Amino acid sequence: MEVNPRLQVEHTVTESICSIDIVKMQLRLAQGASLAEAGLDHLLTDPLKPPKQHSIQLRITAEDPEKNWSLSVGKIQSFHFPSGNGVRVDTALAHGSPAGVSADFDSVIAKLIVTATTWEDATAKARRALEDVSIIGVKTNVPMLRAIVSHPDFRAGVCDTQWLESSQEELLQMSKRIVSQRQDPHHGLSPTPFGSSTLSTASVQSALLRKGDAWTMTLTPTGSKEVQQHHLHLNRVLRNDFPMSFAADVTFTAPNVEPRSYALEMQATDASASALNSQHRQGSRNDPSHVIVPFSGRLVEVLVDIGDVIRKDDVICVIKQMKMELEVRSHRAGVVSFVTEAEDDEDVAEGLLAAVVEDERVAAKL
């Protein structure tokens, strides 16, 4: 038998369904109180009797399920969590205090615990509570959690310990659909994204995009002197998490073409999302000379200098995620013409341009 004298991460579920404060009980018992004096005697009447409550703990982490649950490092610019009867949130985040995710510690941002008298009510409350969660600045597993609690197997309570692994691809597709269909849970009553009281860069930019906004855009084809003017008008804003995501009904007018209505849906690319959290140059996946850091973490060291001649698969830099050191290797041979200015021991985001490796013939002409 394993005996763990420490609190488990899941202790919040026990507290919720038993209506006790485990930390307080531990301190009282350590001071010599009896079970009755500590307020635990009611649990001794029938230890095999199922509790009257159902509770679910949802761990919100700074991870990207679409990229093999890789860590997402960066500054948390704004956030909002749910509240109400049967909803508990354990987090260290506080409005007005700077916060971020580094590569040194566990990726848990918050624990969301919902409690109800039936499993059906608990899962319904979990779905609604997750709709009120908004974290801007880092990638999180919230879309995956929404997919899990919406899945028929989970709602029926027939999942086992291998269910998440076997259903991951289905859940990923569900999470993408849920994100694309999601609407503002505050019905436009919140002036900042999903009720955040932190006026961040993202929230300021979001406030600039509203119903009725319109732009005239001048597009000139590369290598041509022909100027073409287009017009875009926002008819209705459906979701406003810009620059991370944005959805709206728009009218678009091209030159010499009748106006047409479109449903606009935008999601930040890896590079643009990472750029929010980094002052360093970001890489382009369309440029074959760019060696890009494919995951967030802490920069341990850069192993090349400008002018070095390297071979394919040579290590460019080393990134640390928690206790693991991961190597970023060059996908081509050539001459190094650029190296990131990021310092050793600095947190770096996914998409950082680690180095530019030019073909030797091209480099000779530079």
Protein backbone atom coordinates (compact mmCIF):
# COMPACT_ATOMS: atom_id res chain seq x y z
CA MET A 1 0.00 0.00 0.00
CA GLU A 2 1.29 3.47 -0.92
CA VAL A 3 0.93 6.16 1.73
CA ASN A 4 1.25 9.77 0.59
CA PRO A 5 1.38 12.24 3.48
CA ARG A 6 1.35 15.20 1.06
CA LEU A 7 -1.64 16.80 -0.60
CA GLN A 8 -2.44 15.45 -4.05
CA VAL A 9 -3.21 17.77 -6.96
CA GLU A 10 -6.71 16.26 -7.00
CA HIS A 11 -7.40 17.01 -3.32
CA THR A 12 -9.84 19.72 -4.41
CA VAL A 13 -12.26 17.03 -5.60
CA THR A 14 -12.19 15.34 -2.19
CA GLU A 15 -12.78 18.68 -0.48
CA SER A 16 -15.71 19.49 -2.76
CA ILE A 17 -17.60 16.21 -2.46
CA CYS A 18 -16.94 15.84 1.30
CA SER A 19 -17.41 19.52 2.24
CA ILE A 20 -14.17 19.68 4.22
CA ASP A 21 -10.96 21.71 4.25
CA ILE A 22 -8.21 19.10 4.05
CA VAL A 23 -5.39 21.53 4.87
CA LYS A 24 -7.18 22.68 8.02
CA MET A 25 -7.90 19.06 9.01
CA GLN A 26 -4.23 18.13 8.56
CA LEU A 27 -3.13 20.97 10.82
CA ARG A 28 -5.74 20.11 13.47
CA LEU A 29 -4.77 16.42 13.50
CA ALA A 30 -1.06 17.32 13.67
CA GLN A 31 -1.84 19.38 16.77
CA GLY A 32 -3.38 16.35 18.47
CA ALA A 33 -7.09 16.79 17.72
CA SER A 34 -9.28 13.69 17.40
CA LEU A 35 -11.20 12.92 14.20
CA ALA A 36 -14.35 14.21 15.86
CA GLU A 37 -12.66 17.40 17.07
CA ALA A 38 -11.25 17.95 13.57
CA GLY A 39 -14.74 17.66 12.11
CA LEU A 40 -14.21 14.35 10.35
CA ASP A 41 -16.51 12.15 12.41
CA HIS A 42 -19.33 12.40 9.85
CA LEU A 43 -17.10 10.58 7.35
CA LEU A 44 -16.76 7.55 9.64
CA THR A 45 -20.44 6.57 9.68
CA ASP A 46 -20.27 4.60 6.42
CA PRO A 47 -16.95 4.91 4.59
CA LEU A 48 -18.25 2.82 1.66
CA LYS A 49 -21.31 4.98 1.08
CA PRO A 50 -20.89 7.02 -2.14
CA PRO A 51 -20.74 10.79 -1.63
CA LYS A 52 -23.80 12.83 -2.50
CA GLN A 53 -21.86 15.17 -4.78
CA HIS A 54 -20.08 14.84 -8.11
CA SER A 55 -16.95 16.93 -8.75
CA ILE A 56 -14.66 17.41 -11.76
CA GLN A 57 -11.23 19.05 -11.70
CA LEU A 58 -10.01 20.60 -14.96
CA ARG A 59 -6.33 21.47 -15.03
CA ILE A 60 -5.65 24.46 -17.27
CA THR A 61 -2.09 24.25 -18.57
CA ALA A 62 0.17 26.29 -20.84
CA GLU A 63 0.48 23.53 -23.42
CA ASP A 64 -0.45 23.17 -27.08
CA PRO A 65 -2.27 19.85 -27.69
CA GLU A 66 -1.97 20.36 -31.45
CA LYS A 67 1.84 20.17 -31.15
CA ASN A 68 2.21 17.10 -29.00
CA TRP A 69 1.38 19.04 -25.85
CA SER A 70 4.49 21.22 -26.13
CA LEU A 71 5.06 23.89 -23.50
CA SER A 72 3.95 27.44 -24.35
CA VAL A 73 6.27 30.02 -22.79
CA GLY A 74 5.40 33.70 -22.55
CA LYS A 75 3.74 36.53 -20.68
CA ILE A 76 0.09 36.15 -19.69
CA GLN A 77 -1.35 39.41 -20.99
CA SER A 78 -4.90 39.05 -19.70
CA PHE A 79 -7.18 36.39 -18.24
CA HIS A 80 -10.68 35.71 -16.99
CA PHE A 81 -12.03 32.79 -14.95
CA PRO A 82 -15.62 31.75 -14.15
CA SER A 83 -17.40 32.02 -10.82
CA GLY A 84 -20.73 31.03 -9.31
CA ASN A 85 -22.35 28.26 -7.32
CA GLY A 86 -20.32 25.05 -7.45
CA VAL A 87 -17.40 26.66 -9.30
CA ARG A 88 -13.95 26.93 -7.69
CA VAL A 89 -10.76 28.26 -9.25
CA ASP A 90 -7.33 27.73 -7.68
CA THR A 91 -4.70 29.93 -9.31
CA ALA A 92 -1.79 32.21 -8.46
CA LEU A 93 -2.79 34.74 -11.13
CA ALA A 94 -3.95 38.12 -9.85
CA HIS A 95 -5.19 41.07 -11.87
CA GLY A 96 -2.69 43.89 -11.93
CA SER A 97 0.26 41.61 -11.16
CA PRO A 98 2.58 40.55 -13.99
CA ALA A 99 2.64 36.82 -14.67
CA GLY A 100 4.22 34.51 -17.18
CA VAL A 101 5.01 30.91 -18.00
CA SER A 102 8.66 29.89 -17.98
CA ALA A 103 10.41 26.65 -18.86
CA ASP A 104 11.48 26.02 -15.25
CA PHE A 105 8.23 24.96 -13.61
CA ASP A 106 5.08 22.94 -14.12
CA SER A 107 2.78 24.26 -16.85
CA VAL A 108 -0.40 24.36 -14.71
CA ILE A 109 -1.92 27.86 -14.78
CA ALA A 110 -5.08 27.14 -12.81
CA LYS A 111 -7.32 24.37 -11.53
CA LEU A 112 -11.03 24.74 -12.29
CA ILE A 113 -13.25 22.58 -10.06
CA VAL A 114 -16.99 22.21 -10.66
CA THR A 115 -19.37 20.43 -8.28
CA ALA A 116 -23.02 19.38 -8.63
CA THR A 117 -25.45 16.82 -7.23
CA THR A 118 -25.45 14.63 -10.38
CA TRP A 119 -22.83 13.69 -12.98
CA GLU A 120 -25.03 15.13 -15.72
CA ASP A 121 -25.22 18.48 -13.93
CA ALA A 122 -21.47 18.43 -13.21
CA THR A 123 -20.54 17.91 -16.86
CA ALA A 124 -22.99 20.60 -17.98
CA LYS A 125 -21.51 23.00 -15.43
CA ALA A 126 -18.00 22.12 -16.64
CA ARG A 127 -18.94 22.95 -20.23
CA ARG A 128 -20.41 26.30 -19.22
CA ALA A 129 -17.55 27.18 -16.87
CA LEU A 130 -14.96 26.53 -19.59
CA GLU A 131 -16.81 28.94 -21.87
CA ASP A 132 -15.96 31.68 -19.35
CA VAL A 133 -12.23 30.91 -19.38
CA SER A 134 -9.99 33.24 -21.37
CA ILE A 135 -6.18 33.36 -21.22
CA ILE A 136 -4.37 35.59 -23.70
CA GLY A 137 -0.63 35.52 -24.27
CA VAL A 138 0.15 31.78 -24.23
CA LYS A 139 -1.35 28.69 -25.79
CA THR A 140 -3.44 26.59 -23.41
CA ASN A 141 -5.26 23.26 -23.35
CA VAL A 142 -8.65 24.97 -22.81
CA PRO A 143 -9.97 24.07 -26.31
CA MET A 144 -9.08 20.42 -25.65
CA LEU A 145 -10.81 20.53 -22.24
CA ARG A 146 -13.94 21.89 -23.94
CA ALA A 147 -13.83 19.00 -26.39
CA ILE A 148 -13.36 16.43 -23.61
CA VAL A 149 -16.31 17.57 -21.48
CA SER A 150 -18.50 17.80 -24.61
CA HIS A 151 -17.70 14.29 -25.84
CA PRO A 152 -20.55 11.73 -25.52
CA ASP A 153 -18.25 9.21 -23.79
CA PHE A 154 -17.29 11.68 -21.09
CA ARG A 155 -20.87 12.84 -20.58
CA ALA A 156 -21.94 9.21 -20.21
CA GLY A 157 -19.11 8.52 -17.75
CA VAL A 158 -17.67 5.58 -19.70
CA CYS A 159 -14.03 6.76 -20.06
CA ASP A 160 -11.08 4.69 -18.84
CA THR A 161 -7.41 5.56 -18.30
CA GLN A 162 -6.57 4.94 -21.97
CA TRP A 163 -9.50 6.88 -23.41
CA LEU A 164 -7.70 10.23 -23.83
CA GLU A 165 -4.80 8.63 -25.71
CA SER A 166 -7.03 6.56 -27.99
CA SER A 167 -9.42 9.46 -28.69
CA GLN A 168 -6.87 12.26 -29.01
CA GLU A 169 -7.18 12.81 -32.77
CA GLU A 170 -10.98 12.93 -32.55
CA LEU A 171 -10.77 15.33 -29.62
CA LEU A 172 -8.33 17.58 -31.49
CA GLN A 173 -10.77 17.87 -34.39
CA MET A 174 -13.62 18.55 -31.95
CA SER A 175 -11.59 21.28 -30.23
CA LYS A 176 -10.96 23.02 -33.56
CA ARG A 177 -14.67 22.97 -34.40
CA ILE A 178 -15.61 24.30 -30.97
CA VAL A 179 -13.12 27.17 -31.32
CA SER A 180 -14.44 28.10 -34.77
CA GLN A 181 -18.06 28.06 -33.56
CA ARG A 182 -17.49 29.75 -30.21
CA GLN A 183 -19.19 33.06 -29.49
CA ASP A 184 -18.66 35.67 -26.78
CA PRO A 185 -20.17 34.16 -23.58
CA HIS A 186 -20.74 37.69 -22.24
CA HIS A 187 -22.88 38.65 -25.26
CA GLY A 188 -20.91 41.79 -25.97
CA LEU A 189 -21.35 43.22 -22.46
CA SER A 190 -17.67 43.02 -21.62
CA PRO A 191 -15.48 45.87 -22.89
CA THR A 192 -12.32 43.74 -22.84
CA PRO A 193 -11.83 40.21 -24.15
CA PHE A 194 -14.01 37.84 -22.12
CA GLY A 195 -14.23 40.11 -19.11
CA SER A 196 -10.55 40.68 -18.48
CA SER A 197 -9.88 43.65 -16.22
CA THR A 198 -6.24 43.74 -17.29
CA LEU A 199 -5.71 46.32 -20.02
CA SER A 200 -3.15 44.48 -22.09
CA THR A 201 -1.81 45.03 -25.58
CA ALA A 202 -4.22 42.41 -26.87
CA SER A 203 -7.26 43.96 -25.17
CA VAL A 204 -6.42 47.45 -26.43
CA GLN A 205 -6.15 46.15 -29.97
CA SER A 206 -9.39 44.20 -29.60
CA ALA A 207 -11.23 47.36 -28.58
CA LEU A 208 -10.22 48.93 -31.89
CA LEU A 209 -12.21 46.39 -33.92
CA ARG A 210 -15.95 47.01 -33.68
CA LYS A 211 -19.14 46.68 -35.67
CA GLY A 212 -19.32 49.35 -38.36
CA ASP A 213 -15.55 49.70 -38.81
CA ALA A 214 -14.45 49.92 -42.43
CA TRP A 215 -11.17 50.10 -44.33
CA THR A 216 -10.05 51.03 -47.81
CA MET A 217 -7.11 48.82 -48.82
CA THR A 218 -4.72 49.54 -51.64
CA LEU A 219 -3.18 46.40 -53.16
CA THR A 220 -0.44 46.75 -55.77
CA PRO A 221 0.73 43.49 -57.39
CA THR A 222 4.47 42.95 -56.97
CA GLY A 223 6.34 44.27 -59.99
CA SER A 224 3.31 46.17 -61.26
CA LYS A 225 2.36 49.84 -61.14
CA GLU A 226 -1.35 49.03 -61.24
CA VAL A 227 -3.02 50.19 -58.02
CA GLN A 228 -6.17 48.34 -56.95
CA GLN A 229 -8.44 49.57 -54.15
CA HIS A 230 -10.54 47.16 -52.08
CA HIS A 231 -13.04 47.90 -49.34
CA LEU A 232 -13.79 45.90 -46.16
CA HIS A 233 -16.70 46.61 -43.80
CA LEU A 234 -17.41 44.91 -40.44
CA ASN A 235 -21.11 44.12 -40.26
CA ARG A 236 -21.05 42.05 -37.07
CA VAL A 237 -18.28 40.97 -34.66
CA LEU A 238 -18.74 37.35 -33.54
CA ARG A 239 -15.53 36.81 -31.56
CA ASN A 240 -12.92 39.38 -30.64
CA ASP A 241 -9.70 37.91 -29.22
CA PHE A 242 -7.57 39.82 -31.74
CA PRO A 243 -4.70 39.31 -32.47
CA MET A 244 -4.98 35.68 -31.27
CA SER A 245 -8.32 35.09 -33.03
CA PHE A 246 -11.11 37.09 -34.63
CA ALA A 247 -14.44 36.22 -36.27
CA ALA A 248 -16.92 38.53 -37.98
CA ASP A 249 -19.49 38.94 -40.75
CA VAL A 250 -18.01 41.31 -43.32
CA THR A 251 -18.74 42.89 -46.68
CA PHE A 252 -15.84 42.89 -49.13
CA THR A 253 -15.74 44.96 -52.29
CA ALA A 254 -13.14 44.34 -55.00
CA PRO A 255 -12.49 46.64 -57.97
CA ASN A 256 -15.30 46.56 -60.53
CA VAL A 257 -17.11 43.81 -58.58
CA GLU A 258 -20.39 43.99 -56.66
CA PRO A 259 -20.00 43.88 -52.83
CA ARG A 260 -20.16 40.36 -51.37
CA SER A 261 -20.79 39.13 -47.83
CA TYR A 262 -18.32 36.78 -46.14
CA ALA A 263 -17.89 35.01 -42.81
CA LEU A 264 -14.36 35.98 -41.70
CA GLU A 265 -12.43 33.67 -39.37
CA MET A 266 -8.82 34.40 -38.32
CA GLN A 267 -6.48 32.43 -36.07
CA ALA A 268 -2.97 33.61 -35.15
CA THR A 269 -0.16 31.64 -36.77
CA ASP A 270 2.65 30.32 -34.62
CA ALA A 271 4.93 33.15 -35.68
CA SER A 272 2.43 35.95 -35.05
CA ALA A 273 1.34 34.53 -31.71
CA SER A 274 4.92 34.15 -30.56
CA ALA A 275 5.75 37.66 -31.69
CA LEU A 276 3.42 38.99 -28.99
CA ASN A 277 5.75 37.63 -26.34
CA SER A 278 9.14 38.18 -27.94
CA GLN A 279 11.29 41.12 -28.93
CA HIS A 280 13.46 38.89 -31.10
CA ARG A 281 13.22 38.22 -34.82
CA GLN A 282 10.71 35.55 -35.78
CA GLY A 283 11.34 32.94 -38.45
CA SER A 284 9.38 32.27 -41.62
CA ARG A 285 8.54 28.68 -42.50
CA ASN A 286 8.46 29.71 -46.16
CA ASP A 287 12.14 30.67 -46.11
CA PRO A 288 14.37 27.58 -46.54
CA SER A 289 17.36 29.38 -44.99
CA HIS A 290 15.61 29.92 -41.64
CA VAL A 291 16.30 27.58 -38.72
CA ILE A 292 13.32 28.08 -36.41
CA VAL A 293 12.91 27.05 -32.79
CA PRO A 294 9.92 24.65 -32.93
CA PHE A 295 9.00 24.85 -29.23
CA SER A 296 9.04 27.26 -26.33
CA GLY A 297 11.56 27.00 -23.54
CA ARG A 298 14.66 28.54 -21.99
CA LEU A 299 17.70 29.13 -24.20
CA VAL A 300 20.66 27.22 -22.78
CA GLU A 301 23.26 28.18 -25.38
CA VAL A 302 23.81 28.96 -29.06
CA LEU A 303 26.50 26.73 -30.57
CA VAL A 304 27.21 28.55 -33.86
CA ASP A 305 28.52 31.98 -34.89
CA ILE A 306 28.08 34.08 -37.99
CA GLY A 307 30.44 32.83 -40.70
CA ASP A 308 30.53 29.22 -39.48
CA VAL A 309 30.28 26.52 -42.15
CA ILE A 310 27.96 23.82 -40.86
CA ARG A 311 26.63 20.46 -42.04
CA LYS A 312 23.07 19.24 -42.14
CA ASP A 313 21.84 18.16 -38.67
CA ASP A 314 24.50 20.18 -36.83
CA VAL A 315 23.16 21.58 -33.54
CA ILE A 316 22.33 25.29 -33.73
CA CYS A 317 21.18 25.82 -30.15
CA VAL A 318 19.89 24.02 -27.06
CA ILE A 319 16.51 24.78 -25.46
CA LYS A 320 15.50 23.68 -21.97
CA GLN A 321 11.93 22.67 -21.11
CA MET A 322 11.59 21.99 -17.39
CA LYS A 323 14.35 19.38 -16.80
CA MET A 324 14.86 18.34 -20.43
CA GLU A 325 17.41 19.87 -22.79
CA LEU A 326 16.35 19.69 -26.45
CA GLU A 327 18.57 20.33 -29.46
CA VAL A 328 17.55 22.50 -32.43
CA ARG A 329 19.39 21.22 -35.51
CA SER A 330 19.94 22.71 -38.95
CA HIS A 331 17.93 21.13 -41.75
CA ARG A 332 20.57 22.07 -44.33
CA ALA A 333 24.30 22.55 -44.85
CA GLY A 334 25.70 26.00 -45.52
CA VAL A 335 27.13 29.17 -44.01
CA VAL A 336 25.60 30.87 -40.97
CA SER A 337 24.72 34.48 -41.86
CA PHE A 338 22.56 35.33 -38.82
CA VAL A 339 22.32 34.16 -35.21
CA THR A 340 19.61 35.11 -32.72
CA GLU A 341 20.42 37.88 -30.27
CA ALA A 342 18.58 36.08 -27.47
CA GLU A 343 20.74 35.67 -24.38
CA ASP A 344 21.60 32.43 -22.62
CA ASP A 345 19.07 31.60 -19.86
CA GLU A 346 16.38 33.70 -21.57
CA ASP A 347 12.85 32.39 -22.13
CA VAL A 348 12.13 32.13 -25.85
CA ALA A 349 8.88 31.45 -27.68
CA GLU A 350 8.09 29.00 -30.42
CA GLY A 351 8.83 30.50 -33.82
CA LEU A 352 12.04 32.28 -32.79
CA LEU A 353 14.56 32.56 -35.63
CA ALA A 354 17.61 30.75 -34.25
CA ALA A 355 19.83 31.17 -37.30
CA VAL A 356 19.92 31.82 -41.03
CA VAL A 357 21.90 29.23 -42.98
CA GLU A 358 22.67 30.30 -46.53
CA ASP A 359 23.76 28.04 -49.35
CA GLU A 360 27.57 28.35 -49.61
CA ARG A 361 27.33 29.68 -53.15
CA VAL A 362 24.80 32.31 -52.09
CA ALA A 363 26.82 33.25 -49.01
CA ALA A 364 29.93 33.79 -51.14
CA LYS A 365 28.12 36.52 -53.06
CA LEU A 366 26.97 38.34 -49.91
